[in-house]
Amino acid sequence: MSLKAFHIVFVTASTLLAFGFGAWALWQYFGDSRALIDLVMGVVSVLAGVALIVYGKFFLKKLKHISYL
């Protein structure tokens, strides 16, 4: 597996984890918790997921001439 392919897999997994954790934290906030830390963690995680998508697009554009193998 090339560094490019590994990078894509790792960024995709990180993005899914960030959105999953963000959804869970926001679910906790809007559920019973109402703790400010849940809201902050949820918003920061969703923003991190968006940043990872932007980074992934930048990375793919930058290395479009490199093969996946």
PDB file of N, CA and C in Angstrom:
ATOM      1  N   MET A   1       0.856  -1.170   0.000  1.00  0.00           N
ATOM      2  CA  MET A   1       0.000   0.000   0.000  1.00  0.00           C
ATOM      3  C   MET A   1       0.903   1.236   0.000  1.00  0.00           C
ATOM      4  N   SER A   2       0.611   2.142  -0.889  1.00  0.00           N
ATOM      5  CA  SER A   2       1.434   3.349  -0.996  1.00  0.00           C
ATOM      6  C   SER A   2       1.094   4.331   0.123  1.00  0.00           C
ATOM      7  N   LEU A   3       1.956   5.295   0.272  1.00  0.00           N
ATOM      8  CA  LEU A   3       1.727   6.328   1.276  1.00  0.00           C
ATOM      9  C   LEU A   3       0.465   7.126   0.955  1.00  0.00           C
ATOM     10  N   LYS A   4       0.202   7.327  -0.331  1.00  0.00           N
ATOM     11  CA  LYS A   4      -0.998   8.067  -0.738  1.00  0.00           C
ATOM     12  C   LYS A   4      -2.257   7.285  -0.358  1.00  0.00           C
ATOM     13  N   ALA A   5      -2.275   5.985  -0.642  1.00  0.00           N
ATOM     14  CA  ALA A   5      -3.445   5.167  -0.322  1.00  0.00           C
ATOM     15  C   ALA A   5      -3.656   5.099   1.196  1.00  0.00           C
ATOM     16  N   PHE A   6      -2.571   4.905   1.931  1.00  0.00           N
ATOM     17  CA  PHE A   6      -2.681   4.872   3.390  1.00  0.00           C
ATOM     18  C   PHE A   6      -3.203   6.207   3.924  1.00  0.00           C
ATOM     19  N   HIS A   7      -2.723   7.286   3.358  1.00  0.00           N
ATOM     20  CA  HIS A   7      -3.141   8.613   3.785  1.00  0.00           C
ATOM     21  C   HIS A   7      -4.638   8.819   3.564  1.00  0.00           C
ATOM     22  N   ILE A   8      -5.124   8.371   2.427  1.00  0.00           N
ATOM     23  CA  ILE A   8      -6.552   8.502   2.128  1.00  0.00           C
ATOM     24  C   ILE A   8      -7.385   7.684   3.105  1.00  0.00           C
ATOM     25  N   VAL A   9      -6.952   6.458   3.375  1.00  0.00           N
ATOM     26  CA  VAL A   9      -7.678   5.606   4.325  1.00  0.00           C
ATOM     27  C   VAL A   9      -7.660   6.235   5.717  1.00  0.00           C
ATOM     28  N   PHE A  10      -6.512   6.740   6.141  1.00  0.00           N
ATOM     29  CA  PHE A  10      -6.378   7.328   7.467  1.00  0.00           C
ATOM     30  C   PHE A  10      -7.208   8.605   7.604  1.00  0.00           C
ATOM     31  N   VAL A  11      -7.203   9.457   6.594  1.00  0.00           N
ATOM     32  CA  VAL A  11      -7.996  10.691   6.652  1.00  0.00           C
ATOM     33  C   VAL A  11      -9.491  10.358   6.640  1.00  0.00           C
ATOM     34  N   THR A  12      -9.886   9.368   5.856  1.00  0.00           N
ATOM     35  CA  THR A  12     -11.296   8.957   5.827  1.00  0.00           C
ATOM     36  C   THR A  12     -11.735   8.416   7.183  1.00  0.00           C
ATOM     37  N   ALA A  13     -10.925   7.558   7.784  1.00  0.00           N
ATOM     38  CA  ALA A  13     -11.260   7.011   9.099  1.00  0.00           C
ATOM     39  C   ALA A  13     -11.306   8.116  10.155  1.00  0.00           C
ATOM     40  N   SER A  14     -10.367   9.041  10.088  1.00  0.00           N
ATOM     41  CA  SER A  14     -10.347  10.150  11.047  1.00  0.00           C
ATOM     42  C   SER A  14     -11.568  11.041  10.891  1.00  0.00           C
ATOM     43  N   THR A  15     -11.983  11.270   9.652  1.00  0.00           N
ATOM     44  CA  THR A  15     -13.167  12.084   9.396  1.00  0.00           C
ATOM     45  C   THR A  15     -14.418  11.415   9.961  1.00  0.00           C
ATOM     46  N   LEU A  16     -14.564  10.136   9.705  1.00  0.00           N
ATOM     47  CA  LEU A  16     -15.725   9.411  10.234  1.00  0.00           C
ATOM     48  C   LEU A  16     -15.728   9.395  11.761  1.00  0.00           C
ATOM     49  N   LEU A  17     -14.550   9.228  12.351  1.00  0.00           N
ATOM     50  CA  LEU A  17     -14.454   9.243  13.807  1.00  0.00           C
ATOM     51  C   LEU A  17     -14.815  10.614  14.369  1.00  0.00           C
ATOM     52  N   ALA A  18     -14.343  11.677  13.720  1.00  0.00           N
ATOM     53  CA  ALA A  18     -14.643  13.033  14.193  1.00  0.00           C
ATOM     54  C   ALA A  18     -16.142  13.311  14.122  1.00  0.00           C
ATOM     55  N   PHE A  19     -16.772  12.960  12.994  1.00  0.00           N
ATOM     56  CA  PHE A  19     -18.210  13.191  12.880  1.00  0.00           C
ATOM     57  C   PHE A  19     -18.998  12.296  13.840  1.00  0.00           C
ATOM     58  N   GLY A  20     -18.553  11.070  14.018  1.00  0.00           N
ATOM     59  CA  GLY A  20     -19.237  10.165  14.948  1.00  0.00           C
ATOM     60  C   GLY A  20     -19.158  10.656  16.380  1.00  0.00           C
ATOM     61  N   PHE A  21     -17.956  11.073  16.787  1.00  0.00           N
ATOM     62  CA  PHE A  21     -17.810  11.592  18.143  1.00  0.00           C
ATOM     63  C   PHE A  21     -18.582  12.896  18.318  1.00  0.00           C
ATOM     64  N   GLY A  22     -18.554  13.749  17.296  1.00  0.00           N
ATOM     65  CA  GLY A  22     -19.306  14.998  17.361  1.00  0.00           C
ATOM     66  C   GLY A  22     -20.798  14.754  17.509  1.00  0.00           C
ATOM     67  N   ALA A  23     -21.313  13.793  16.751  1.00  0.00           N
ATOM     68  CA  ALA A  23     -22.736  13.458  16.851  1.00  0.00           C
ATOM     69  C   ALA A  23     -23.070  12.910  18.233  1.00  0.00           C
ATOM     70  N   TRP A  24     -22.190  12.066  18.756  1.00  0.00           N
ATOM     71  CA  TRP A  24     -22.432  11.501  20.084  1.00  0.00           C
ATOM     72  C   TRP A  24     -22.422  12.607  21.149  1.00  0.00           C
ATOM     73  N   ALA A  25     -21.445  13.509  21.070  1.00  0.00           N
ATOM     74  CA  ALA A  25     -21.349  14.584  22.064  1.00  0.00           C
ATOM     75  C   ALA A  25     -22.559  15.512  21.989  1.00  0.00           C
ATOM     76  N   LEU A  26     -22.991  15.830  20.779  1.00  0.00           N
ATOM     77  CA  LEU A  26     -24.182  16.679  20.644  1.00  0.00           C
ATOM     78  C   LEU A  26     -25.436  15.944  21.106  1.00  0.00           C
ATOM     79  N   TRP A  27     -25.487  14.649  20.867  1.00  0.00           N
ATOM     80  CA  TRP A  27     -26.619  13.830  21.352  1.00  0.00           C
ATOM     81  C   TRP A  27     -26.674  13.877  22.878  1.00  0.00           C
ATOM     82  N   GLN A  28     -25.508  13.791  23.518  1.00  0.00           N
ATOM     83  CA  GLN A  28     -25.453  13.877  24.974  1.00  0.00           C
ATOM     84  C   GLN A  28     -25.902  15.258  25.455  1.00  0.00           C
ATOM     85  N   TYR A  29     -25.471  16.300  24.759  1.00  0.00           N
ATOM     86  CA  TYR A  29     -25.838  17.649  25.176  1.00  0.00           C
ATOM     87  C   TYR A  29     -27.340  17.883  25.065  1.00  0.00           C
ATOM     88  N   PHE A  30     -27.924  17.495  23.949  1.00  0.00           N
ATOM     89  CA  PHE A  30     -29.346  17.738  23.753  1.00  0.00           C
ATOM     90  C   PHE A  30     -30.215  16.700  24.442  1.00  0.00           C
ATOM     91  N   GLY A  31     -29.588  15.681  25.013  1.00  0.00           N
ATOM     92  CA  GLY A  31     -30.323  14.681  25.781  1.00  0.00           C
ATOM     93  C   GLY A  31     -30.506  15.144  27.212  1.00  0.00           C
ATOM     94  N   ASP A  32     -29.940  14.384  28.129  1.00  0.00           N
ATOM     95  CA  ASP A  32     -30.116  14.685  29.546  1.00  0.00           C
ATOM     96  C   ASP A  32     -29.032  15.584  30.124  1.00  0.00           C
ATOM     97  N   SER A  33     -27.887  15.622  29.500  1.00  0.00           N
ATOM     98  CA  SER A  33     -26.703  16.222  30.105  1.00  0.00           C
ATOM     99  C   SER A  33     -26.800  17.738  30.261  1.00  0.00           C
ATOM    100  N   ARG A  34     -26.953  18.457  29.152  1.00  0.00           N
ATOM    101  CA  ARG A  34     -26.937  19.922  29.119  1.00  0.00           C
ATOM    102  C   ARG A  34     -25.636  20.496  29.682  1.00  0.00           C
ATOM    103  N   ALA A  35     -24.562  19.686  29.658  1.00  0.00           N
ATOM    104  CA  ALA A  35     -23.255  20.168  30.111  1.00  0.00           C
ATOM    105  C   ALA A  35     -22.591  20.911  28.955  1.00  0.00           C
ATOM    106  N   LEU A  36     -22.030  22.040  29.257  1.00  0.00           N
ATOM    107  CA  LEU A  36     -21.414  22.870  28.238  1.00  0.00           C
ATOM    108  C   LEU A  36     -20.262  22.150  27.542  1.00  0.00           C
ATOM    109  N   ILE A  37     -19.543  21.305  28.251  1.00  0.00           N
ATOM    110  CA  ILE A  37     -18.411  20.594  27.669  1.00  0.00           C
ATOM    111  C   ILE A  37     -18.871  19.665  26.544  1.00  0.00           C
ATOM    112  N   ASP A  38     -20.052  19.084  26.660  1.00  0.00           N
ATOM    113  CA  ASP A  38     -20.585  18.234  25.590  1.00  0.00           C
ATOM    114  C   ASP A  38     -20.845  19.043  24.330  1.00  0.00           C
ATOM    115  N   LEU A  39     -21.387  20.228  24.488  1.00  0.00           N
ATOM    116  CA  LEU A  39     -21.636  21.096  23.343  1.00  0.00           C
ATOM    117  C   LEU A  39     -20.324  21.526  22.693  1.00  0.00           C
ATOM    118  N   VAL A  40     -19.353  21.901  23.505  1.00  0.00           N
ATOM    119  CA  VAL A  40     -18.063  22.349  22.975  1.00  0.00           C
ATOM    120  C   VAL A  40     -17.372  21.205  22.237  1.00  0.00           C
ATOM    121  N   MET A  41     -17.339  20.018  22.846  1.00  0.00           N
ATOM    122  CA  MET A  41     -16.703  18.865  22.191  1.00  0.00           C
ATOM    123  C   MET A  41     -17.410  18.501  20.898  1.00  0.00           C
ATOM    124  N   GLY A  42     -18.729  18.584  20.879  1.00  0.00           N
ATOM    125  CA  GLY A  42     -19.477  18.264  19.675  1.00  0.00           C
ATOM    126  C   GLY A  42     -19.192  19.223  18.542  1.00  0.00           C
ATOM    127  N   VAL A  43     -19.205  20.504  18.844  1.00  0.00           N
ATOM    128  CA  VAL A  43     -18.952  21.515  17.816  1.00  0.00           C
ATOM    129  C   VAL A  43     -17.521  21.428  17.312  1.00  0.00           C
ATOM    130  N   VAL A  44     -16.566  21.268  18.217  1.00  0.00           N
ATOM    131  CA  VAL A  44     -15.162  21.168  17.806  1.00  0.00           C
ATOM    132  C   VAL A  44     -14.932  19.918  16.956  1.00  0.00           C
ATOM    133  N   SER A  45     -15.560  18.819  17.304  1.00  0.00           N
ATOM    134  CA  SER A  45     -15.398  17.591  16.529  1.00  0.00           C
ATOM    135  C   SER A  45     -16.005  17.716  15.133  1.00  0.00           C
ATOM    136  N   VAL A  46     -17.158  18.334  15.029  1.00  0.00           N
ATOM    137  CA  VAL A  46     -17.762  18.536  13.711  1.00  0.00           C
ATOM    138  C   VAL A  46     -16.892  19.469  12.869  1.00  0.00           C
ATOM    139  N   LEU A  47     -16.352  20.506  13.474  1.00  0.00           N
ATOM    140  CA  LEU A  47     -15.442  21.408  12.752  1.00  0.00           C
ATOM    141  C   LEU A  47     -14.171  20.669  12.324  1.00  0.00           C
ATOM    142  N   ALA A  48     -13.674  19.781  13.170  1.00  0.00           N
ATOM    143  CA  ALA A  48     -12.502  18.985  12.804  1.00  0.00           C
ATOM    144  C   ALA A  48     -12.826  18.060  11.630  1.00  0.00           C
ATOM    145  N   GLY A  49     -14.026  17.502  11.609  1.00  0.00           N
ATOM    146  CA  GLY A  49     -14.440  16.667  10.485  1.00  0.00           C
ATOM    147  C   GLY A  49     -14.491  17.448   9.187  1.00  0.00           C
ATOM    148  N   VAL A  50     -15.011  18.657   9.246  1.00  0.00           N
ATOM    149  CA  VAL A  50     -15.054  19.515   8.056  1.00  0.00           C
ATOM    150  C   VAL A  50     -13.637  19.866   7.610  1.00  0.00           C
ATOM    151  N   ALA A  51     -12.762  20.186   8.568  1.00  0.00           N
ATOM    152  CA  ALA A  51     -11.371  20.505   8.237  1.00  0.00           C
ATOM    153  C   ALA A  51     -10.666  19.305   7.610  1.00  0.00           C
ATOM    154  N   LEU A  52     -10.955  18.113   8.078  1.00  0.00           N
ATOM    155  CA  LEU A  52     -10.356  16.914   7.495  1.00  0.00           C
ATOM    156  C   LEU A  52     -10.839  16.678   6.066  1.00  0.00           C
ATOM    157  N   ILE A  53     -12.085  17.003   5.774  1.00  0.00           N
ATOM    158  CA  ILE A  53     -12.581  16.885   4.400  1.00  0.00           C
ATOM    159  C   ILE A  53     -11.856  17.872   3.503  1.00  0.00           C
ATOM    160  N   VAL A  54     -11.707  19.097   3.968  1.00  0.00           N
ATOM    161  CA  VAL A  54     -10.982  20.111   3.180  1.00  0.00           C
ATOM    162  C   VAL A  54      -9.541  19.673   2.964  1.00  0.00           C
ATOM    163  N   TYR A  55      -8.896  19.166   4.011  1.00  0.00           N
ATOM    164  CA  TYR A  55      -7.523  18.694   3.901  1.00  0.00           C
ATOM    165  C   TYR A  55      -7.421  17.522   2.924  1.00  0.00           C
ATOM    166  N   GLY A  56      -8.370  16.599   2.982  1.00  0.00           N
ATOM    167  CA  GLY A  56      -8.357  15.454   2.069  1.00  0.00           C
ATOM    168  C   GLY A  56      -8.475  15.879   0.614  1.00  0.00           C
ATOM    169  N   LYS A  57      -9.334  16.841   0.344  1.00  0.00           N
ATOM    170  CA  LYS A  57      -9.457  17.350  -1.028  1.00  0.00           C
ATOM    171  C   LYS A  57      -8.168  18.027  -1.476  1.00  0.00           C
ATOM    172  N   PHE A  58      -7.556  18.818  -0.592  1.00  0.00           N
ATOM    173  CA  PHE A  58      -6.289  19.470  -0.904  1.00  0.00           C
ATOM    174  C   PHE A  58      -5.197  18.432  -1.181  1.00  0.00           C
ATOM    175  N   PHE A  59      -5.156  17.399  -0.364  1.00  0.00           N
ATOM    176  CA  PHE A  59      -4.152  16.352  -0.518  1.00  0.00           C
ATOM    177  C   PHE A  59      -4.326  15.614  -1.846  1.00  0.00           C
ATOM    178  N   LEU A  60      -5.562  15.272  -2.190  1.00  0.00           N
ATOM    179  CA  LEU A  60      -5.806  14.576  -3.456  1.00  0.00           C
ATOM    180  C   LEU A  60      -5.451  15.444  -4.658  1.00  0.00           C
ATOM    181  N   LYS A  61      -5.751  16.726  -4.571  1.00  0.00           N
ATOM    182  CA  LYS A  61      -5.422  17.624  -5.671  1.00  0.00           C
ATOM    183  C   LYS A  61      -3.904  17.772  -5.816  1.00  0.00           C
ATOM    184  N   LYS A  62      -3.217  17.853  -4.684  1.00  0.00           N
ATOM    185  CA  LYS A  62      -1.771  18.047  -4.710  1.00  0.00           C
ATOM    186  C   LYS A  62      -1.044  16.825  -5.266  1.00  0.00           C
ATOM    187  N   LEU A  63      -1.520  15.632  -4.942  1.00  0.00           N
ATOM    188  CA  LEU A  63      -0.838  14.407  -5.357  1.00  0.00           C
ATOM    189  C   LEU A  63      -1.607  13.626  -6.423  1.00  0.00           C
ATOM    190  N   LYS A  64      -2.287  14.323  -7.314  1.00  0.00           N
ATOM    191  CA  LYS A  64      -3.081  13.633  -8.322  1.00  0.00           C
ATOM    192  C   LYS A  64      -2.221  12.878  -9.338  1.00  0.00           C
ATOM    193  N   HIS A  65      -0.964  13.268  -9.477  1.00  0.00           N
ATOM    194  CA  HIS A  65      -0.090  12.602 -10.444  1.00  0.00           C
ATOM    195  C   HIS A  65       0.604  11.365  -9.853  1.00  0.00           C
ATOM    196  N   ILE A  66       0.455  11.093  -8.575  1.00  0.00           N
ATOM    197  CA  ILE A  66       1.053   9.927  -7.921  1.00  0.00           C
ATOM    198  C   ILE A  66       0.032   8.784  -7.926  1.00  0.00           C
ATOM    199  N   SER A  67       0.499   7.571  -8.237  1.00  0.00           N
ATOM    200  CA  SER A  67      -0.424   6.425  -8.285  1.00  0.00           C
ATOM    201  C   SER A  67      -0.776   5.952  -6.871  1.00  0.00           C
ATOM    202  N   TYR A  68      -1.804   5.119  -6.781  1.00  0.00           N
ATOM    203  CA  TYR A  68      -2.254   4.566  -5.497  1.00  0.00           C
ATOM    204  C   TYR A  68      -1.484   3.324  -5.109  1.00  0.00           C
ATOM    205  N   LEU A  69      -0.675   2.782  -5.985  1.00  0.00           N
ATOM    206  CA  LEU A  69       0.066   1.565  -5.687  1.00  0.00           C
ATOM    207  C   LEU A  69       1.374   1.879  -5.162  1.00  0.00           C
TER     208      LEU A  69
END
